N, C-alpha and C. Protein backbone atom coordinates (compact mmCIF):
# COMPACT_ATOMS: atom_id res chain seq x y z
N UNK A 1 -80.64 -80.79 -150.19
CA UNK A 1 -80.67 -79.69 -149.26
C UNK A 1 -82.10 -79.51 -148.75
N UNK A 2 -82.23 -79.43 -147.44
CA UNK A 2 -83.56 -79.29 -146.85
C UNK A 2 -83.47 -78.42 -145.60
N UNK A 3 -84.59 -77.81 -145.29
CA UNK A 3 -84.72 -77.04 -144.07
C UNK A 3 -85.61 -77.81 -143.12
N UNK A 4 -85.42 -77.62 -141.82
CA UNK A 4 -86.21 -78.30 -140.81
C UNK A 4 -86.65 -77.28 -139.76
N UNK A 5 -87.96 -77.24 -139.48
CA UNK A 5 -88.50 -76.37 -138.45
C UNK A 5 -89.04 -77.23 -137.33
N UNK A 6 -88.72 -76.85 -136.09
CA UNK A 6 -89.20 -77.56 -134.91
C UNK A 6 -89.97 -76.55 -134.08
N UNK A 7 -91.21 -76.91 -133.69
CA UNK A 7 -92.04 -75.98 -132.93
C UNK A 7 -93.19 -76.75 -132.27
N UNK A 8 -93.71 -76.21 -131.15
CA UNK A 8 -94.88 -76.82 -130.53
C UNK A 8 -96.15 -76.39 -131.28
N UNK A 9 -97.27 -77.07 -131.04
CA UNK A 9 -98.51 -76.75 -131.77
C UNK A 9 -98.95 -75.29 -131.68
N UNK A 10 -98.67 -74.61 -130.57
CA UNK A 10 -99.12 -73.22 -130.44
C UNK A 10 -98.06 -72.19 -130.82
N UNK A 11 -96.96 -72.64 -131.41
CA UNK A 11 -95.90 -71.74 -131.90
C UNK A 11 -95.34 -70.81 -130.82
N UNK A 12 -95.19 -71.31 -129.59
CA UNK A 12 -94.58 -70.51 -128.53
C UNK A 12 -93.15 -70.15 -128.91
N UNK A 13 -92.50 -71.04 -129.63
CA UNK A 13 -91.13 -70.83 -130.10
C UNK A 13 -90.94 -71.64 -131.38
N UNK A 14 -89.90 -71.31 -132.10
CA UNK A 14 -89.56 -72.03 -133.32
C UNK A 14 -88.05 -72.14 -133.43
N UNK A 15 -87.59 -73.33 -133.78
CA UNK A 15 -86.17 -73.57 -134.04
C UNK A 15 -86.05 -73.95 -135.51
N UNK A 16 -85.22 -73.24 -136.24
CA UNK A 16 -85.07 -73.50 -137.68
C UNK A 16 -83.64 -73.93 -137.99
N UNK A 17 -83.55 -75.09 -138.61
CA UNK A 17 -82.27 -75.60 -139.10
C UNK A 17 -82.32 -75.49 -140.62
N UNK A 18 -81.45 -74.69 -141.17
CA UNK A 18 -81.52 -74.44 -142.61
C UNK A 18 -80.46 -75.24 -143.37
N UNK A 19 -80.65 -75.29 -144.67
CA UNK A 19 -79.66 -75.96 -145.51
C UNK A 19 -78.34 -75.18 -145.54
N UNK A 20 -78.35 -73.97 -144.98
CA UNK A 20 -77.15 -73.15 -144.91
C UNK A 20 -76.41 -73.32 -143.59
N UNK A 21 -76.68 -74.45 -142.87
CA UNK A 21 -76.08 -74.71 -141.57
C UNK A 21 -74.56 -74.54 -141.64
N UNK A 22 -74.04 -73.85 -140.65
CA UNK A 22 -72.61 -73.56 -140.63
C UNK A 22 -72.28 -72.22 -141.24
N UNK A 23 -73.19 -71.73 -142.05
CA UNK A 23 -73.01 -70.42 -142.66
C UNK A 23 -74.07 -69.47 -142.12
N UNK A 24 -75.33 -69.91 -142.16
CA UNK A 24 -76.45 -69.17 -141.57
C UNK A 24 -77.26 -70.15 -140.73
N UNK A 25 -77.53 -69.75 -139.52
CA UNK A 25 -78.36 -70.57 -138.66
C UNK A 25 -77.55 -71.55 -137.84
N UNK A 26 -78.20 -72.31 -137.02
CA UNK A 26 -79.64 -72.40 -136.86
C UNK A 26 -80.20 -71.13 -136.20
N UNK A 27 -81.52 -70.96 -136.34
CA UNK A 27 -82.21 -69.79 -135.82
C UNK A 27 -83.22 -70.21 -134.76
N UNK A 28 -83.42 -69.35 -133.76
CA UNK A 28 -84.40 -69.60 -132.71
C UNK A 28 -85.20 -68.33 -132.51
N UNK A 29 -86.53 -68.46 -132.48
CA UNK A 29 -87.40 -67.30 -132.28
C UNK A 29 -88.49 -67.66 -131.28
N UNK A 30 -88.93 -66.66 -130.51
CA UNK A 30 -90.01 -66.87 -129.55
C UNK A 30 -91.16 -65.91 -129.80
N UNK A 31 -92.33 -66.33 -129.41
CA UNK A 31 -93.54 -65.51 -129.48
C UNK A 31 -93.45 -64.47 -128.36
N UNK A 32 -94.06 -63.29 -128.52
CA UNK A 32 -94.03 -62.29 -127.44
C UNK A 32 -94.61 -62.81 -126.11
N UNK A 33 -95.55 -63.76 -126.17
CA UNK A 33 -96.15 -64.34 -124.97
C UNK A 33 -95.60 -65.74 -124.69
N UNK A 34 -94.31 -65.92 -124.90
CA UNK A 34 -93.72 -67.26 -124.81
C UNK A 34 -93.93 -67.90 -123.44
N UNK A 35 -93.87 -67.14 -122.36
CA UNK A 35 -94.02 -67.74 -121.03
C UNK A 35 -95.41 -68.35 -120.85
N UNK A 36 -96.44 -67.64 -121.22
CA UNK A 36 -97.81 -68.13 -121.10
C UNK A 36 -98.03 -69.34 -122.02
N UNK A 37 -97.56 -69.23 -123.26
CA UNK A 37 -97.74 -70.31 -124.22
C UNK A 37 -96.94 -71.56 -123.84
N UNK A 38 -95.73 -71.37 -123.34
CA UNK A 38 -94.92 -72.52 -122.96
C UNK A 38 -95.52 -73.21 -121.74
N UNK A 39 -96.10 -72.44 -120.81
CA UNK A 39 -96.79 -73.05 -119.67
C UNK A 39 -97.94 -73.93 -120.14
N UNK A 40 -98.66 -73.48 -121.16
CA UNK A 40 -99.75 -74.28 -121.73
C UNK A 40 -99.19 -75.54 -122.38
N UNK A 41 -98.06 -75.45 -123.05
CA UNK A 41 -97.43 -76.62 -123.66
C UNK A 41 -97.05 -77.64 -122.59
N UNK A 42 -96.43 -77.17 -121.51
CA UNK A 42 -96.01 -78.07 -120.44
C UNK A 42 -97.21 -78.72 -119.75
N UNK A 43 -98.31 -77.97 -119.59
CA UNK A 43 -99.52 -78.53 -119.01
C UNK A 43 -100.09 -79.63 -119.89
N UNK A 44 -100.06 -79.44 -121.19
CA UNK A 44 -100.55 -80.45 -122.13
C UNK A 44 -99.68 -81.71 -122.08
N UNK A 45 -98.37 -81.54 -122.00
CA UNK A 45 -97.47 -82.69 -121.89
C UNK A 45 -97.76 -83.45 -120.59
N UNK A 46 -97.93 -82.72 -119.49
CA UNK A 46 -98.23 -83.35 -118.20
C UNK A 46 -99.55 -84.12 -118.27
N UNK A 47 -100.55 -83.53 -118.91
CA UNK A 47 -101.85 -84.18 -119.04
C UNK A 47 -101.74 -85.47 -119.85
N UNK A 48 -100.98 -85.45 -120.93
CA UNK A 48 -100.80 -86.65 -121.75
C UNK A 48 -100.08 -87.74 -120.96
N UNK A 49 -99.08 -87.38 -120.17
CA UNK A 49 -98.36 -88.37 -119.36
C UNK A 49 -99.28 -88.98 -118.31
N UNK A 50 -100.12 -88.14 -117.67
CA UNK A 50 -101.06 -88.64 -116.68
C UNK A 50 -102.06 -89.60 -117.32
N UNK A 51 -102.50 -89.31 -118.54
CA UNK A 51 -103.42 -90.19 -119.25
C UNK A 51 -102.78 -91.54 -119.54
N UNK A 52 -101.54 -91.54 -119.98
CA UNK A 52 -100.81 -92.79 -120.24
C UNK A 52 -100.68 -93.60 -118.96
N UNK A 53 -100.34 -92.94 -117.85
CA UNK A 53 -100.21 -93.63 -116.57
C UNK A 53 -101.54 -94.21 -116.12
N UNK A 54 -102.62 -93.47 -116.27
CA UNK A 54 -103.94 -93.95 -115.88
C UNK A 54 -104.34 -95.17 -116.70
N UNK A 55 -104.11 -95.12 -118.00
CA UNK A 55 -104.43 -96.26 -118.85
C UNK A 55 -103.61 -97.49 -118.48
N UNK A 56 -102.34 -97.27 -118.10
CA UNK A 56 -101.49 -98.38 -117.70
C UNK A 56 -102.00 -99.03 -116.41
N UNK A 57 -102.73 -98.27 -115.61
CA UNK A 57 -103.28 -98.79 -114.36
C UNK A 57 -104.69 -99.36 -114.56
N UNK A 58 -105.16 -99.38 -115.81
CA UNK A 58 -106.45 -99.97 -116.09
C UNK A 58 -107.61 -99.00 -116.20
N UNK A 59 -107.36 -97.73 -116.06
CA UNK A 59 -108.43 -96.74 -116.19
C UNK A 59 -108.72 -96.51 -117.66
N UNK A 60 -109.98 -96.41 -117.99
CA UNK A 60 -110.37 -96.10 -119.37
C UNK A 60 -110.56 -94.59 -119.48
N UNK A 61 -110.29 -94.06 -120.60
CA UNK A 61 -110.47 -92.63 -120.81
C UNK A 61 -110.42 -92.29 -122.28
N UNK A 62 -110.77 -91.07 -122.57
CA UNK A 62 -110.75 -90.64 -123.97
C UNK A 62 -109.61 -89.70 -124.22
């Protein structure tokens, strides 16, 4: 029996899958500032994708 938590680095939201699945849960919770935090998450994802694309085109970066 194990529990699993899924969340972004800034904890904008959390999804919890518990060992009591089917009886209790899964659970979903959001931070009071979820819109601002989730926008930051999406910006970070976009930045990482752009970096991968740039490297694939031969650009060096850190």
